[in-house]
Amino acid sequence: SAQALVDEWGRGFVAETDYLYEADNTESFAEAMARRGLGAVTSPAVVRELSSSRVLVTEWVDGTRLDLDASPDVPRLCGVAINAYLTMLLDTGVLHCDPHPGNLLRTTDGKLCILDWGMTLEVPSNLQI
């Protein structure tokens, strides 16, 4: 219904402006990928003591946008991205919903770093494996 659509949009809008929610998502993603042995993908480390619901501080990530990087491992990192998004969708149940090129970095140590965890979607367990 239209009301359900507006309610979901409103929930996402409010969550996108709560930086503690984004901090939780950022940390949860990195932890979930590490637990699954997916060390080729990460997210920025959150600096909790400097963050609040109005300000999010993370460690600086040295890297380049994946779509602008000419490194020979970019095709591998595109595969890492697909694997990470499928893992989110089918396993962890929290999907990053802002995968534009500016949010996908190739780090200087050859990992994929996914930025901006303010917009996520909880995937119902009956749609996961």
N, C-alpha and C. Protein backbone atom coordinates (compact mmCIF):
# COMPACT_ATOMS: atom_id res chain seq x y z
N SER A 1 0.83 -1.19 0.00
CA SER A 1 0.00 0.00 0.00
C SER A 1 0.87 1.25 0.00
N ALA A 2 0.27 2.36 -0.33
CA ALA A 2 1.00 3.63 -0.35
C ALA A 2 1.46 4.01 1.05
N GLN A 3 0.63 3.73 2.06
CA GLN A 3 1.01 4.07 3.43
C GLN A 3 2.24 3.26 3.86
N ALA A 4 2.28 1.97 3.51
CA ALA A 4 3.43 1.13 3.87
C ALA A 4 4.69 1.63 3.18
N LEU A 5 4.55 2.06 1.95
CA LEU A 5 5.69 2.59 1.20
C LEU A 5 6.22 3.86 1.86
N VAL A 6 5.33 4.76 2.22
CA VAL A 6 5.74 6.02 2.88
C VAL A 6 6.34 5.72 4.25
N ASP A 7 5.76 4.78 5.00
CA ASP A 7 6.29 4.42 6.31
C ASP A 7 7.72 3.87 6.18
N GLU A 8 7.96 3.01 5.20
CA GLU A 8 9.30 2.44 5.01
C GLU A 8 10.28 3.52 4.59
N TRP A 9 9.86 4.42 3.70
CA TRP A 9 10.74 5.52 3.30
C TRP A 9 11.09 6.38 4.51
N GLY A 10 10.09 6.67 5.36
CA GLY A 10 10.33 7.48 6.54
C GLY A 10 11.28 6.80 7.51
N ARG A 11 11.13 5.48 7.70
CA ARG A 11 12.04 4.74 8.57
C ARG A 11 13.46 4.85 8.04
N GLY A 12 13.64 4.66 6.74
CA GLY A 12 14.97 4.74 6.14
C GLY A 12 15.56 6.14 6.24
N PHE A 13 14.72 7.15 6.06
CA PHE A 13 15.19 8.53 6.14
C PHE A 13 15.69 8.86 7.54
N VAL A 14 14.92 8.46 8.55
CA VAL A 14 15.32 8.73 9.93
C VAL A 14 16.59 7.96 10.26
N ALA A 15 16.66 6.69 9.85
CA ALA A 15 17.86 5.88 10.13
C ALA A 15 19.08 6.47 9.45
N GLU A 16 18.91 7.00 8.24
CA GLU A 16 20.04 7.57 7.49
C GLU A 16 20.63 8.78 8.21
N THR A 17 19.86 9.45 9.04
CA THR A 17 20.36 10.64 9.74
C THR A 17 20.79 10.34 11.18
N ASP A 18 20.75 9.08 11.60
CA ASP A 18 21.21 8.69 12.93
C ASP A 18 22.57 8.02 12.77
N TYR A 19 23.63 8.75 13.12
CA TYR A 19 24.97 8.24 12.85
C TYR A 19 25.39 7.12 13.79
N LEU A 20 24.74 6.96 14.93
CA LEU A 20 25.03 5.79 15.76
C LEU A 20 24.50 4.53 15.10
N TYR A 21 23.36 4.64 14.44
CA TYR A 21 22.82 3.52 13.66
C TYR A 21 23.79 3.16 12.54
N GLU A 22 24.31 4.17 11.87
CA GLU A 22 25.28 3.93 10.80
C GLU A 22 26.57 3.32 11.36
N ALA A 23 27.00 3.79 12.51
CA ALA A 23 28.19 3.23 13.15
C ALA A 23 27.99 1.75 13.46
N ASP A 24 26.82 1.41 14.01
CA ASP A 24 26.52 0.01 14.31
C ASP A 24 26.56 -0.84 13.04
N ASN A 25 25.96 -0.35 11.96
CA ASN A 25 25.95 -1.08 10.69
C ASN A 25 27.37 -1.27 10.16
N THR A 26 28.17 -0.23 10.27
CA THR A 26 29.55 -0.26 9.77
C THR A 26 30.35 -1.33 10.49
N GLU A 27 30.25 -1.34 11.80
CA GLU A 27 30.99 -2.32 12.60
C GLU A 27 30.44 -3.73 12.42
N SER A 28 29.14 -3.85 12.38
CA SER A 28 28.52 -5.18 12.23
C SER A 28 28.92 -5.83 10.92
N PHE A 29 28.99 -5.03 9.85
CA PHE A 29 29.39 -5.58 8.56
C PHE A 29 30.80 -6.14 8.62
N ALA A 30 31.75 -5.35 9.12
CA ALA A 30 33.14 -5.80 9.19
C ALA A 30 33.26 -7.07 10.03
N GLU A 31 32.56 -7.11 11.16
CA GLU A 31 32.60 -8.28 12.02
C GLU A 31 31.99 -9.50 11.34
N ALA A 32 30.87 -9.32 10.65
CA ALA A 32 30.21 -10.43 9.97
C ALA A 32 31.09 -11.00 8.85
N MET A 33 31.74 -10.13 8.11
CA MET A 33 32.60 -10.62 7.03
C MET A 33 33.82 -11.34 7.59
N ALA A 34 34.38 -10.82 8.68
CA ALA A 34 35.55 -11.47 9.30
C ALA A 34 35.17 -12.85 9.84
N ARG A 35 34.00 -12.96 10.49
CA ARG A 35 33.55 -14.26 11.02
C ARG A 35 33.38 -15.29 9.92
N ARG A 36 33.06 -14.84 8.73
CA ARG A 36 32.84 -15.75 7.60
C ARG A 36 34.11 -15.98 6.78
N GLY A 37 35.21 -15.43 7.24
CA GLY A 37 36.47 -15.63 6.54
C GLY A 37 36.60 -14.82 5.26
N LEU A 38 35.80 -13.76 5.14
CA LEU A 38 35.83 -12.92 3.94
C LEU A 38 36.70 -11.70 4.22
N GLY A 39 37.99 -11.92 4.39
CA GLY A 39 38.91 -10.86 4.77
C GLY A 39 39.26 -9.89 3.67
N ALA A 40 38.80 -10.15 2.45
CA ALA A 40 39.11 -9.25 1.33
C ALA A 40 38.17 -8.06 1.28
N VAL A 41 37.19 -8.01 2.18
CA VAL A 41 36.23 -6.90 2.20
C VAL A 41 36.12 -6.37 3.62
N THR A 42 35.97 -5.06 3.73
CA THR A 42 35.90 -4.44 5.04
C THR A 42 35.09 -3.15 4.98
N SER A 43 35.01 -2.49 6.11
CA SER A 43 34.39 -1.16 6.20
C SER A 43 35.29 -0.33 7.11
N PRO A 44 35.13 0.99 7.11
CA PRO A 44 36.00 1.83 7.94
C PRO A 44 35.81 1.54 9.43
N ALA A 45 36.90 1.64 10.18
CA ALA A 45 36.81 1.49 11.64
C ALA A 45 36.16 2.74 12.23
N VAL A 46 35.16 2.55 13.07
CA VAL A 46 34.45 3.65 13.71
C VAL A 46 35.24 4.11 14.94
N VAL A 47 35.34 5.42 15.11
CA VAL A 47 35.96 6.00 16.30
C VAL A 47 34.81 6.37 17.23
N ARG A 48 34.44 5.44 18.10
CA ARG A 48 33.25 5.59 18.95
C ARG A 48 33.32 6.81 19.87
N GLU A 49 34.49 7.07 20.44
CA GLU A 49 34.59 8.16 21.42
C GLU A 49 34.39 9.54 20.78
N LEU A 50 34.46 9.64 19.47
CA LEU A 50 34.24 10.91 18.78
C LEU A 50 32.92 10.95 18.01
N SER A 51 32.16 9.85 18.06
CA SER A 51 30.91 9.75 17.29
C SER A 51 29.70 9.95 18.19
N SER A 52 28.61 10.41 17.59
CA SER A 52 27.35 10.58 18.31
C SER A 52 26.23 10.40 17.29
N SER A 53 24.99 10.62 17.72
CA SER A 53 23.88 10.49 16.77
C SER A 53 23.93 11.56 15.69
N ARG A 54 24.72 12.62 15.89
CA ARG A 54 24.82 13.71 14.91
C ARG A 54 26.14 13.75 14.15
N VAL A 55 27.14 13.00 14.62
CA VAL A 55 28.47 13.01 14.00
C VAL A 55 29.01 11.59 13.97
N LEU A 56 29.49 11.17 12.81
CA LEU A 56 30.15 9.88 12.69
C LEU A 56 31.60 10.11 12.31
N VAL A 57 32.50 9.56 13.10
CA VAL A 57 33.93 9.66 12.81
C VAL A 57 34.45 8.25 12.59
N THR A 58 35.13 8.07 11.46
CA THR A 58 35.78 6.80 11.18
C THR A 58 37.25 7.06 10.88
N GLU A 59 38.03 6.00 10.94
CA GLU A 59 39.41 6.13 10.52
C GLU A 59 39.44 6.38 9.02
N TRP A 60 40.46 7.11 8.58
CA TRP A 60 40.64 7.39 7.17
C TRP A 60 40.99 6.08 6.45
N VAL A 61 40.40 5.88 5.28
CA VAL A 61 40.70 4.70 4.47
C VAL A 61 41.49 5.17 3.25
N ASP A 62 42.74 4.73 3.15
CA ASP A 62 43.54 5.04 1.96
C ASP A 62 43.10 4.12 0.84
N GLY A 63 42.70 4.72 -0.27
CA GLY A 63 42.27 3.92 -1.40
C GLY A 63 41.74 4.78 -2.52
N THR A 64 41.31 4.12 -3.57
CA THR A 64 40.73 4.81 -4.72
C THR A 64 39.39 4.16 -5.06
N ARG A 65 38.54 4.95 -5.67
CA ARG A 65 37.26 4.42 -6.11
C ARG A 65 37.51 3.21 -7.01
N LEU A 66 36.77 2.18 -6.77
CA LEU A 66 36.96 0.94 -7.52
C LEU A 66 36.80 1.17 -9.02
N ASP A 67 35.86 2.02 -9.41
CA ASP A 67 35.61 2.24 -10.84
C ASP A 67 36.69 3.10 -11.51
N LEU A 68 37.54 3.77 -10.71
CA LEU A 68 38.59 4.62 -11.26
C LEU A 68 39.98 4.02 -11.10
N ASP A 69 40.07 2.88 -10.44
CA ASP A 69 41.36 2.26 -10.15
C ASP A 69 41.79 1.38 -11.33
N ALA A 70 43.05 1.49 -11.73
CA ALA A 70 43.56 0.72 -12.86
C ALA A 70 44.37 -0.50 -12.42
N SER A 71 44.33 -0.83 -11.14
CA SER A 71 45.10 -1.97 -10.64
C SER A 71 44.61 -3.27 -11.27
N PRO A 72 45.51 -4.21 -11.47
CA PRO A 72 45.13 -5.47 -12.13
C PRO A 72 44.18 -6.34 -11.29
N ASP A 73 44.05 -6.04 -9.99
CA ASP A 73 43.17 -6.86 -9.16
C ASP A 73 41.74 -6.33 -9.07
N VAL A 74 41.41 -5.29 -9.81
CA VAL A 74 40.05 -4.73 -9.76
C VAL A 74 39.00 -5.77 -10.17
N PRO A 75 39.21 -6.58 -11.22
CA PRO A 75 38.20 -7.61 -11.51
C PRO A 75 37.98 -8.58 -10.34
N ARG A 76 39.05 -8.93 -9.64
CA ARG A 76 38.91 -9.79 -8.46
C ARG A 76 38.07 -9.09 -7.40
N LEU A 77 38.32 -7.80 -7.19
CA LEU A 77 37.57 -7.05 -6.19
C LEU A 77 36.10 -6.88 -6.59
N CYS A 78 35.83 -6.82 -7.87
CA CYS A 78 34.42 -6.81 -8.31
C CYS A 78 33.75 -8.12 -7.91
N GLY A 79 34.46 -9.22 -8.03
CA GLY A 79 33.95 -10.51 -7.57
C GLY A 79 33.77 -10.53 -6.06
N VAL A 80 34.70 -9.91 -5.34
CA VAL A 80 34.59 -9.79 -3.88
C VAL A 80 33.32 -9.01 -3.54
N ALA A 81 33.05 -7.94 -4.28
CA ALA A 81 31.84 -7.14 -4.03
C ALA A 81 30.58 -7.97 -4.25
N ILE A 82 30.54 -8.73 -5.32
CA ILE A 82 29.37 -9.58 -5.59
C ILE A 82 29.19 -10.59 -4.47
N ASN A 83 30.29 -11.22 -4.06
CA ASN A 83 30.24 -12.19 -2.96
C ASN A 83 29.76 -11.53 -1.67
N ALA A 84 30.26 -10.34 -1.37
CA ALA A 84 29.86 -9.63 -0.15
C ALA A 84 28.37 -9.29 -0.18
N TYR A 85 27.88 -8.80 -1.31
CA TYR A 85 26.46 -8.42 -1.40
C TYR A 85 25.56 -9.65 -1.34
N LEU A 86 25.98 -10.76 -1.95
CA LEU A 86 25.19 -11.99 -1.84
C LEU A 86 25.21 -12.51 -0.40
N THR A 87 26.35 -12.39 0.27
CA THR A 87 26.43 -12.81 1.67
C THR A 87 25.50 -11.96 2.53
N MET A 88 25.48 -10.65 2.28
CA MET A 88 24.57 -9.78 3.04
C MET A 88 23.12 -10.19 2.79
N LEU A 89 22.78 -10.37 1.52
CA LEU A 89 21.40 -10.66 1.13
C LEU A 89 20.93 -12.00 1.65
N LEU A 90 21.77 -13.03 1.51
CA LEU A 90 21.32 -14.40 1.78
C LEU A 90 21.76 -14.95 3.13
N ASP A 91 22.69 -14.28 3.81
CA ASP A 91 23.22 -14.86 5.04
C ASP A 91 23.12 -13.91 6.23
N THR A 92 23.74 -12.74 6.15
CA THR A 92 23.75 -11.86 7.34
C THR A 92 22.40 -11.19 7.57
N GLY A 93 21.64 -10.95 6.50
CA GLY A 93 20.32 -10.35 6.64
C GLY A 93 20.31 -8.83 6.72
N VAL A 94 21.46 -8.20 6.54
CA VAL A 94 21.53 -6.73 6.50
C VAL A 94 22.22 -6.34 5.20
N LEU A 95 21.48 -5.67 4.33
CA LEU A 95 21.96 -5.34 2.99
C LEU A 95 22.31 -3.86 2.89
N HIS A 96 23.53 -3.56 2.47
CA HIS A 96 23.97 -2.19 2.19
C HIS A 96 23.20 -1.72 0.96
N CYS A 97 22.52 -0.59 1.06
CA CYS A 97 21.63 -0.15 -0.03
C CYS A 97 22.12 1.11 -0.74
N ASP A 98 23.42 1.35 -0.72
CA ASP A 98 23.96 2.55 -1.36
C ASP A 98 25.27 2.22 -2.09
N PRO A 99 25.22 1.21 -2.99
CA PRO A 99 26.47 0.72 -3.60
C PRO A 99 26.93 1.50 -4.83
N HIS A 100 26.82 2.82 -4.81
CA HIS A 100 27.31 3.58 -5.97
C HIS A 100 28.84 3.59 -5.96
N PRO A 101 29.47 3.93 -7.09
CA PRO A 101 30.94 3.83 -7.20
C PRO A 101 31.72 4.59 -6.13
N GLY A 102 31.21 5.69 -5.63
CA GLY A 102 31.92 6.44 -4.61
C GLY A 102 31.98 5.74 -3.26
N ASN A 103 31.17 4.72 -3.07
CA ASN A 103 31.15 3.99 -1.80
C ASN A 103 31.93 2.67 -1.86
N LEU A 104 32.58 2.39 -2.97
CA LEU A 104 33.36 1.16 -3.12
C LEU A 104 34.80 1.54 -3.41
N LEU A 105 35.69 1.27 -2.45
CA LEU A 105 37.09 1.64 -2.60
C LEU A 105 37.98 0.41 -2.71
N ARG A 106 39.03 0.54 -3.52
CA ARG A 106 40.13 -0.42 -3.49
C ARG A 106 41.16 0.18 -2.54
N THR A 107 41.41 -0.50 -1.43
CA THR A 107 42.35 0.02 -0.45
C THR A 107 43.78 -0.21 -0.95
N THR A 108 44.71 0.50 -0.36
CA THR A 108 46.11 0.38 -0.79
C THR A 108 46.67 -1.01 -0.52
N ASP A 109 46.04 -1.77 0.39
CA ASP A 109 46.49 -3.15 0.62
C ASP A 109 45.65 -4.17 -0.15
N GLY A 110 44.90 -3.69 -1.15
CA GLY A 110 44.20 -4.58 -2.07
C GLY A 110 42.90 -5.17 -1.58
N LYS A 111 42.26 -4.54 -0.61
CA LYS A 111 40.95 -4.99 -0.14
C LYS A 111 39.86 -4.10 -0.74
N LEU A 112 38.64 -4.59 -0.64
CA LEU A 112 37.47 -3.79 -0.98
C LEU A 112 36.94 -3.19 0.31
N CYS A 113 36.78 -1.88 0.35
CA CYS A 113 36.19 -1.21 1.50
C CYS A 113 34.86 -0.60 1.06
N ILE A 114 33.79 -0.98 1.76
CA ILE A 114 32.45 -0.46 1.47
C ILE A 114 32.16 0.65 2.48
N LEU A 115 31.87 1.83 1.96
CA LEU A 115 31.62 3.02 2.77
C LEU A 115 30.13 3.31 2.88
N ASP A 116 29.77 4.16 3.83
CA ASP A 116 28.43 4.76 3.96
C ASP A 116 27.36 3.71 4.28
N TRP A 117 27.28 3.37 5.55
CA TRP A 117 26.35 2.33 6.02
C TRP A 117 25.07 2.91 6.62
N GLY A 118 24.71 4.13 6.21
CA GLY A 118 23.50 4.76 6.74
C GLY A 118 22.22 4.18 6.17
N MET A 119 22.27 3.66 4.97
CA MET A 119 21.07 3.13 4.34
C MET A 119 21.23 1.62 4.15
N THR A 120 20.50 0.87 4.97
CA THR A 120 20.53 -0.59 4.89
C THR A 120 19.10 -1.12 4.88
N LEU A 121 18.99 -2.37 4.51
CA LEU A 121 17.70 -3.05 4.48
C LEU A 121 17.83 -4.34 5.25
N GLU A 122 16.92 -4.58 6.17
CA GLU A 122 16.89 -5.87 6.86
C GLU A 122 16.16 -6.86 5.96
N VAL A 123 16.85 -7.96 5.65
CA VAL A 123 16.30 -8.99 4.78
C VAL A 123 15.58 -10.01 5.66
N PRO A 124 14.30 -10.25 5.41
CA PRO A 124 13.57 -11.24 6.22
C PRO A 124 14.24 -12.61 6.18
N SER A 125 14.23 -13.30 7.30
CA SER A 125 14.92 -14.59 7.39
C SER A 125 14.37 -15.62 6.41
N ASN A 126 13.11 -15.51 6.03
CA ASN A 126 12.55 -16.49 5.09
C ASN A 126 13.07 -16.28 3.66
N LEU A 127 13.80 -15.17 3.42
CA LEU A 127 14.41 -14.94 2.11
C LEU A 127 15.90 -15.27 2.12
N GLN A 128 16.42 -15.65 3.29
CA GLN A 128 17.83 -16.02 3.41
C GLN A 128 17.96 -17.52 3.32
N ILE A 129 19.23 -17.96 3.16
CA ILE A 129 19.44 -19.42 3.13
C ILE A 129 19.98 -19.91 4.45
